[in-house]
Amino acid sequence: MTNQERLSTIQSYAWTLELLGEALVQHDDAIEGEHNPHLTLRNTAGIHQAMRIISRLAAEQCGKLKGDKGAAPVEQD
């Protein structure tokens, strides 16, 4: 994977994290009148788990990007 592809992947992960964060906020607003606390807890836990996984994947790509010391510099748009 090239450095540019890694940067694109990291950018996609960041956008996904932003969307999941917004979904979490909207979910919190929606559950105020919810009658099934088990379902809402599972939804919230699922969103949190997805955010942890994507954060870990982004960190791995950042580590690989930093580890490419001998690679050509990344061109910025």
PDB file of N, CA and C in Angstrom:
ATOM      1  N   MET A   1       0.855  -1.173   0.000  1.00  0.00           N
ATOM      2  CA  MET A   1       0.000   0.000   0.000  1.00  0.00           C
ATOM      3  C   MET A   1       0.903   1.239   0.000  1.00  0.00           C
ATOM      4  N   THR A   2       0.593   2.179  -0.862  1.00  0.00           N
ATOM      5  CA  THR A   2       1.393   3.404  -0.917  1.00  0.00           C
ATOM      6  C   THR A   2       0.995   4.353   0.215  1.00  0.00           C
ATOM      7  N   ASN A   3       1.848   5.328   0.446  1.00  0.00           N
ATOM      8  CA  ASN A   3       1.546   6.314   1.493  1.00  0.00           C
ATOM      9  C   ASN A   3       0.258   7.069   1.179  1.00  0.00           C
ATOM     10  N   GLN A   4       0.038   7.365  -0.100  1.00  0.00           N
ATOM     11  CA  GLN A   4      -1.179   8.089  -0.486  1.00  0.00           C
ATOM     12  C   GLN A   4      -2.418   7.230  -0.210  1.00  0.00           C
ATOM     13  N   GLU A   5      -2.320   5.931  -0.474  1.00  0.00           N
ATOM     14  CA  GLU A   5      -3.435   5.032  -0.183  1.00  0.00           C
ATOM     15  C   GLU A   5      -3.673   4.938   1.319  1.00  0.00           C
ATOM     16  N   ARG A   6      -2.598   4.918   2.103  1.00  0.00           N
ATOM     17  CA  ARG A   6      -2.750   4.892   3.564  1.00  0.00           C
ATOM     18  C   ARG A   6      -3.439   6.164   4.059  1.00  0.00           C
ATOM     19  N   LEU A   7      -3.024   7.307   3.521  1.00  0.00           N
ATOM     20  CA  LEU A   7      -3.659   8.567   3.924  1.00  0.00           C
ATOM     21  C   LEU A   7      -5.139   8.577   3.563  1.00  0.00           C
ATOM     22  N   SER A   8      -5.470   8.049   2.401  1.00  0.00           N
ATOM     23  CA  SER A   8      -6.867   7.978   1.985  1.00  0.00           C
ATOM     24  C   SER A   8      -7.657   7.066   2.916  1.00  0.00           C
ATOM     25  N   THR A   9      -7.054   5.941   3.299  1.00  0.00           N
ATOM     26  CA  THR A   9      -7.704   5.016   4.228  1.00  0.00           C
ATOM     27  C   THR A   9      -7.931   5.673   5.579  1.00  0.00           C
ATOM     28  N   ILE A  10      -6.917   6.369   6.084  1.00  0.00           N
ATOM     29  CA  ILE A  10      -7.035   7.065   7.371  1.00  0.00           C
ATOM     30  C   ILE A  10      -8.131   8.118   7.302  1.00  0.00           C
ATOM     31  N   GLN A  11      -8.211   8.833   6.183  1.00  0.00           N
ATOM     32  CA  GLN A  11      -9.247   9.846   6.009  1.00  0.00           C
ATOM     33  C   GLN A  11     -10.638   9.193   6.031  1.00  0.00           C
ATOM     34  N   SER A  12     -10.776   8.052   5.384  1.00  0.00           N
ATOM     35  CA  SER A  12     -12.060   7.336   5.390  1.00  0.00           C
ATOM     36  C   SER A  12     -12.427   6.888   6.800  1.00  0.00           C
ATOM     37  N   TYR A  13     -11.431   6.396   7.540  1.00  0.00           N
ATOM     38  CA  TYR A  13     -11.680   6.003   8.928  1.00  0.00           C
ATOM     39  C   TYR A  13     -12.134   7.198   9.752  1.00  0.00           C
ATOM     40  N   ALA A  14     -11.492   8.349   9.566  1.00  0.00           N
ATOM     41  CA  ALA A  14     -11.856   9.550  10.328  1.00  0.00           C
ATOM     42  C   ALA A  14     -13.289   9.976  10.012  1.00  0.00           C
ATOM     43  N   TRP A  15     -13.667   9.936   8.751  1.00  0.00           N
ATOM     44  CA  TRP A  15     -15.043  10.292   8.373  1.00  0.00           C
ATOM     45  C   TRP A  15     -16.033   9.310   8.990  1.00  0.00           C
ATOM     46  N   THR A  16     -15.694   8.030   8.969  1.00  0.00           N
ATOM     47  CA  THR A  16     -16.576   7.028   9.556  1.00  0.00           C
ATOM     48  C   THR A  16     -16.736   7.249  11.052  1.00  0.00           C
ATOM     49  N   LEU A  17     -15.626   7.564  11.735  1.00  0.00           N
ATOM     50  CA  LEU A  17     -15.700   7.861  13.168  1.00  0.00           C
ATOM     51  C   LEU A  17     -16.583   9.072  13.438  1.00  0.00           C
ATOM     52  N   GLU A  18     -16.490  10.077  12.578  1.00  0.00           N
ATOM     53  CA  GLU A  18     -17.331  11.261  12.735  1.00  0.00           C
ATOM     54  C   GLU A  18     -18.809  10.894  12.586  1.00  0.00           C
ATOM     55  N   LEU A  19     -19.119  10.064  11.597  1.00  0.00           N
ATOM     56  CA  LEU A  19     -20.504   9.636  11.393  1.00  0.00           C
ATOM     57  C   LEU A  19     -21.009   8.795  12.558  1.00  0.00           C
ATOM     58  N   LEU A  20     -20.163   7.897  13.070  1.00  0.00           N
ATOM     59  CA  LEU A  20     -20.564   7.080  14.215  1.00  0.00           C
ATOM     60  C   LEU A  20     -20.779   7.948  15.458  1.00  0.00           C
ATOM     61  N   GLY A  21     -19.941   8.953  15.639  1.00  0.00           N
ATOM     62  CA  GLY A  21     -20.118   9.872  16.763  1.00  0.00           C
ATOM     63  C   GLY A  21     -21.441  10.608  16.663  1.00  0.00           C
ATOM     64  N   GLU A  22     -21.772  11.041  15.455  1.00  0.00           N
ATOM     65  CA  GLU A  22     -23.056  11.725  15.254  1.00  0.00           C
ATOM     66  C   GLU A  22     -24.222  10.759  15.488  1.00  0.00           C
ATOM     67  N   ALA A  23     -24.067   9.518  15.051  1.00  0.00           N
ATOM     68  CA  ALA A  23     -25.116   8.518  15.289  1.00  0.00           C
ATOM     69  C   ALA A  23     -25.298   8.275  16.778  1.00  0.00           C
ATOM     70  N   LEU A  24     -24.204   8.278  17.523  1.00  0.00           N
ATOM     71  CA  LEU A  24     -24.281   8.086  18.970  1.00  0.00           C
ATOM     72  C   LEU A  24     -25.042   9.231  19.631  1.00  0.00           C
ATOM     73  N   VAL A  25     -24.783  10.449  19.204  1.00  0.00           N
ATOM     74  CA  VAL A  25     -25.491  11.612  19.748  1.00  0.00           C
ATOM     75  C   VAL A  25     -26.983  11.520  19.423  1.00  0.00           C
ATOM     76  N   GLN A  26     -27.310  11.191  18.181  1.00  0.00           N
ATOM     77  CA  GLN A  26     -28.711  11.080  17.793  1.00  0.00           C
ATOM     78  C   GLN A  26     -29.392   9.927  18.528  1.00  0.00           C
ATOM     79  N   HIS A  27     -28.649   8.842  18.719  1.00  0.00           N
ATOM     80  CA  HIS A  27     -29.205   7.693  19.447  1.00  0.00           C
ATOM     81  C   HIS A  27     -29.509   8.087  20.888  1.00  0.00           C
ATOM     82  N   ASP A  28     -28.599   8.822  21.520  1.00  0.00           N
ATOM     83  CA  ASP A  28     -28.826   9.280  22.889  1.00  0.00           C
ATOM     84  C   ASP A  28     -30.073  10.149  22.983  1.00  0.00           C
ATOM     85  N   ASP A  29     -30.280  11.006  21.983  1.00  0.00           N
ATOM     86  CA  ASP A  29     -31.472  11.854  21.974  1.00  0.00           C
ATOM     87  C   ASP A  29     -32.741  11.024  21.799  1.00  0.00           C
ATOM     88  N   ALA A  30     -32.646   9.967  21.001  1.00  0.00           N
ATOM     89  CA  ALA A  30     -33.826   9.157  20.689  1.00  0.00           C
ATOM     90  C   ALA A  30     -34.228   8.232  21.830  1.00  0.00           C
ATOM     91  N   ILE A  31     -33.295   7.844  22.695  1.00  0.00           N
ATOM     92  CA  ILE A  31     -33.623   6.836  23.716  1.00  0.00           C
ATOM     93  C   ILE A  31     -34.257   7.419  24.972  1.00  0.00           C
ATOM     94  N   GLU A  32     -34.421   8.714  25.022  1.00  0.00           N
ATOM     95  CA  GLU A  32     -35.006   9.315  26.219  1.00  0.00           C
ATOM     96  C   GLU A  32     -36.383   8.753  26.527  1.00  0.00           C
ATOM     97  N   GLY A  33     -37.172   8.427  25.501  1.00  0.00           N
ATOM     98  CA  GLY A  33     -38.505   7.877  25.724  1.00  0.00           C
ATOM     99  C   GLY A  33     -38.596   6.394  25.441  1.00  0.00           C
ATOM    100  N   GLU A  34     -37.467   5.734  25.311  1.00  0.00           N
ATOM    101  CA  GLU A  34     -37.441   4.317  24.952  1.00  0.00           C
ATOM    102  C   GLU A  34     -37.906   3.445  26.112  1.00  0.00           C
ATOM    103  N   HIS A  35     -38.638   2.394  25.766  1.00  0.00           N
ATOM    104  CA  HIS A  35     -39.177   1.496  26.783  1.00  0.00           C
ATOM    105  C   HIS A  35     -38.395   0.185  26.889  1.00  0.00           C
ATOM    106  N   ASN A  36     -37.397   0.003  26.041  1.00  0.00           N
ATOM    107  CA  ASN A  36     -36.618  -1.235  26.061  1.00  0.00           C
ATOM    108  C   ASN A  36     -35.150  -0.902  26.330  1.00  0.00           C
ATOM    109  N   PRO A  37     -34.746  -0.795  27.606  1.00  0.00           N
ATOM    110  CA  PRO A  37     -33.375  -0.383  27.919  1.00  0.00           C
ATOM    111  C   PRO A  37     -32.315  -1.372  27.453  1.00  0.00           C
ATOM    112  N   HIS A  38     -32.661  -2.660  27.339  1.00  0.00           N
ATOM    113  CA  HIS A  38     -31.679  -3.648  26.879  1.00  0.00           C
ATOM    114  C   HIS A  38     -31.292  -3.401  25.430  1.00  0.00           C
ATOM    115  N   LEU A  39     -32.271  -3.057  24.607  1.00  0.00           N
ATOM    116  CA  LEU A  39     -31.999  -2.789  23.203  1.00  0.00           C
ATOM    117  C   LEU A  39     -31.145  -1.532  23.053  1.00  0.00           C
ATOM    118  N   THR A  40     -31.470  -0.495  23.796  1.00  0.00           N
ATOM    119  CA  THR A  40     -30.702   0.743  23.677  1.00  0.00           C
ATOM    120  C   THR A  40     -29.275   0.561  24.185  1.00  0.00           C
ATOM    121  N   LEU A  41     -29.094  -0.239  25.222  1.00  0.00           N
ATOM    122  CA  LEU A  41     -27.751  -0.513  25.728  1.00  0.00           C
ATOM    123  C   LEU A  41     -26.944  -1.265  24.689  1.00  0.00           C
ATOM    124  N   ARG A  42     -27.562  -2.238  24.030  1.00  0.00           N
ATOM    125  CA  ARG A  42     -26.870  -3.000  22.985  1.00  0.00           C
ATOM    126  C   ARG A  42     -26.511  -2.108  21.810  1.00  0.00           C
ATOM    127  N   ASN A  43     -27.405  -1.207  21.414  1.00  0.00           N
ATOM    128  CA  ASN A  43     -27.119  -0.284  20.310  1.00  0.00           C
ATOM    129  C   ASN A  43     -25.932   0.614  20.654  1.00  0.00           C
ATOM    130  N   THR A  44     -25.965   1.186  21.853  1.00  0.00           N
ATOM    131  CA  THR A  44     -24.888   2.071  22.286  1.00  0.00           C
ATOM    132  C   THR A  44     -23.569   1.315  22.359  1.00  0.00           C
ATOM    133  N   ALA A  45     -23.592   0.122  22.912  1.00  0.00           N
ATOM    134  CA  ALA A  45     -22.372  -0.684  23.011  1.00  0.00           C
ATOM    135  C   ALA A  45     -21.851  -1.039  21.625  1.00  0.00           C
ATOM    136  N   GLY A  46     -22.734  -1.325  20.701  1.00  0.00           N
ATOM    137  CA  GLY A  46     -22.324  -1.645  19.333  1.00  0.00           C
ATOM    138  C   GLY A  46     -21.648  -0.476  18.647  1.00  0.00           C
ATOM    139  N   ILE A  47     -22.195   0.709  18.831  1.00  0.00           N
ATOM    140  CA  ILE A  47     -21.588   1.905  18.241  1.00  0.00           C
ATOM    141  C   ILE A  47     -20.219   2.155  18.858  1.00  0.00           C
ATOM    142  N   HIS A  48     -20.115   2.023  20.168  1.00  0.00           N
ATOM    143  CA  HIS A  48     -18.826   2.209  20.845  1.00  0.00           C
ATOM    144  C   HIS A  48     -17.796   1.183  20.357  1.00  0.00           C
ATOM    145  N   GLN A  49     -18.214  -0.060  20.209  1.00  0.00           N
ATOM    146  CA  GLN A  49     -17.301  -1.108  19.749  1.00  0.00           C
ATOM    147  C   GLN A  49     -16.817  -0.802  18.327  1.00  0.00           C
ATOM    148  N   ALA A  50     -17.716  -0.375  17.458  1.00  0.00           N
ATOM    149  CA  ALA A  50     -17.326  -0.019  16.092  1.00  0.00           C
ATOM    150  C   ALA A  50     -16.314   1.122  16.099  1.00  0.00           C
ATOM    151  N   MET A  51     -16.525   2.099  16.963  1.00  0.00           N
ATOM    152  CA  MET A  51     -15.594   3.230  17.050  1.00  0.00           C
ATOM    153  C   MET A  51     -14.216   2.766  17.531  1.00  0.00           C
ATOM    154  N   ARG A  52     -14.188   1.854  18.495  1.00  0.00           N
ATOM    155  CA  ARG A  52     -12.899   1.330  18.986  1.00  0.00           C
ATOM    156  C   ARG A  52     -12.164   0.572  17.887  1.00  0.00           C
ATOM    157  N   ILE A  53     -12.876  -0.238  17.140  1.00  0.00           N
ATOM    158  CA  ILE A  53     -12.251  -1.019  16.067  1.00  0.00           C
ATOM    159  C   ILE A  53     -11.684  -0.090  14.993  1.00  0.00           C
ATOM    160  N   ILE A  54     -12.470   0.873  14.563  1.00  0.00           N
ATOM    161  CA  ILE A  54     -12.018   1.786  13.512  1.00  0.00           C
ATOM    162  C   ILE A  54     -10.861   2.648  14.006  1.00  0.00           C
ATOM    163  N   SER A  55     -10.895   3.063  15.261  1.00  0.00           N
ATOM    164  CA  SER A  55      -9.780   3.833  15.824  1.00  0.00           C
ATOM    165  C   SER A  55      -8.496   3.009  15.815  1.00  0.00           C
ATOM    166  N   ARG A  56      -8.609   1.726  16.165  1.00  0.00           N
ATOM    167  CA  ARG A  56      -7.430   0.848  16.164  1.00  0.00           C
ATOM    168  C   ARG A  56      -6.881   0.678  14.755  1.00  0.00           C
ATOM    169  N   LEU A  57      -7.782   0.489  13.774  1.00  0.00           N
ATOM    170  CA  LEU A  57      -7.343   0.348  12.390  1.00  0.00           C
ATOM    171  C   LEU A  57      -6.652   1.610  11.892  1.00  0.00           C
ATOM    172  N   ALA A  58      -7.194   2.767  12.251  1.00  0.00           N
ATOM    173  CA  ALA A  58      -6.574   4.037  11.856  1.00  0.00           C
ATOM    174  C   ALA A  58      -5.207   4.183  12.494  1.00  0.00           C
ATOM    175  N   ALA A  59      -5.077   3.807  13.758  1.00  0.00           N
ATOM    176  CA  ALA A  59      -3.783   3.888  14.443  1.00  0.00           C
ATOM    177  C   ALA A  59      -2.758   2.967  13.782  1.00  0.00           C
ATOM    178  N   GLU A  60      -3.193   1.783  13.362  1.00  0.00           N
ATOM    179  CA  GLU A  60      -2.284   0.863  12.673  1.00  0.00           C
ATOM    180  C   GLU A  60      -1.785   1.469  11.372  1.00  0.00           C
ATOM    181  N   GLN A  61      -2.675   2.093  10.617  1.00  0.00           N
ATOM    182  CA  GLN A  61      -2.267   2.722   9.357  1.00  0.00           C
ATOM    183  C   GLN A  61      -1.327   3.899   9.603  1.00  0.00           C
ATOM    184  N   CYS A  62      -1.583   4.669  10.656  1.00  0.00           N
ATOM    185  CA  CYS A  62      -0.684   5.771  11.006  1.00  0.00           C
ATOM    186  C   CYS A  62       0.700   5.231  11.370  1.00  0.00           C
ATOM    187  N   GLY A  63       0.721   4.137  12.110  1.00  0.00           N
ATOM    188  CA  GLY A  63       1.992   3.517  12.481  1.00  0.00           C
ATOM    189  C   GLY A  63       2.759   3.048  11.264  1.00  0.00           C
ATOM    190  N   LYS A  64       2.063   2.442  10.307  1.00  0.00           N
ATOM    191  CA  LYS A  64       2.715   2.000   9.080  1.00  0.00           C
ATOM    192  C   LYS A  64       3.219   3.195   8.281  1.00  0.00           C
ATOM    193  N   LEU A  65       2.447   4.270   8.279  1.00  0.00           N
ATOM    194  CA  LEU A  65       2.847   5.474   7.554  1.00  0.00           C
ATOM    195  C   LEU A  65       4.108   6.071   8.170  1.00  0.00           C
ATOM    196  N   LYS A  66       4.141   6.123   9.500  1.00  0.00           N
ATOM    197  CA  LYS A  66       5.326   6.643  10.191  1.00  0.00           C
ATOM    198  C   LYS A  66       6.512   5.701  10.042  1.00  0.00           C
ATOM    199  N   GLY A  67       6.234   4.404   9.893  1.00  0.00           N
ATOM    200  CA  GLY A  67       7.286   3.411   9.785  1.00  0.00           C
ATOM    201  C   GLY A  67       7.972   3.390   8.431  1.00  0.00           C
ATOM    202  N   ASP A  68       7.385   4.024   7.434  1.00  0.00           N
ATOM    203  CA  ASP A  68       7.968   4.065   6.091  1.00  0.00           C
ATOM    204  C   ASP A  68       9.011   5.174   5.996  1.00  0.00           C
ATOM    205  N   LYS A  69      10.064   5.054   6.773  1.00  0.00           N
ATOM    206  CA  LYS A  69      11.088   6.110   6.812  1.00  0.00           C
ATOM    207  C   LYS A  69      11.842   6.217   5.500  1.00  0.00           C
ATOM    208  N   GLY A  70      12.043   5.106   4.804  1.00  0.00           N
ATOM    209  CA  GLY A  70      12.787   5.126   3.556  1.00  0.00           C
ATOM    210  C   GLY A  70      11.924   5.400   2.345  1.00  0.00           C
ATOM    211  N   ALA A  71      10.627   5.525   2.543  1.00  0.00           N
ATOM    212  CA  ALA A  71       9.710   5.731   1.439  1.00  0.00           C
ATOM    213  C   ALA A  71       9.765   7.168   0.943  1.00  0.00           C
ATOM    214  N   ALA A  72       9.274   7.353  -0.254  1.00  0.00           N
ATOM    215  CA  ALA A  72       9.213   8.705  -0.822  1.00  0.00           C
ATOM    216  C   ALA A  72       8.260   9.554  -0.016  1.00  0.00           C
ATOM    217  N   PRO A  73       8.517  10.861   0.067  1.00  0.00           N
ATOM    218  CA  PRO A  73       7.614  11.738   0.821  1.00  0.00           C
ATOM    219  C   PRO A  73       6.208  11.752   0.220  1.00  0.00           C
ATOM    220  N   VAL A  74       5.252  11.954   1.072  1.00  0.00           N
ATOM    221  CA  VAL A  74       3.858  11.980   0.652  1.00  0.00           C
ATOM    222  C   VAL A  74       3.549  13.364   0.109  1.00  0.00           C
ATOM    223  N   GLU A  75       2.985  13.381  -1.109  1.00  0.00           N
ATOM    224  CA  GLU A  75       2.604  14.666  -1.704  1.00  0.00           C
ATOM    225  C   GLU A  75       1.260  15.093  -1.157  1.00  0.00           C
ATOM    226  N   GLN A  76       1.143  16.373  -0.844  1.00  0.00           N
ATOM    227  CA  GLN A  76      -0.124  16.892  -0.320  1.00  0.00           C
ATOM    228  C   GLN A  76      -0.858  17.611  -1.429  1.00  0.00           C
ATOM    229  N   ASP A  77      -2.188  17.537  -1.368  1.00  0.00           N
ATOM    230  CA  ASP A  77      -3.014  18.205  -2.392  1.00  0.00           C
ATOM    231  C   ASP A  77      -3.007  19.687  -2.180  1.00  0.00           C
TER     232      ASP A  77
END
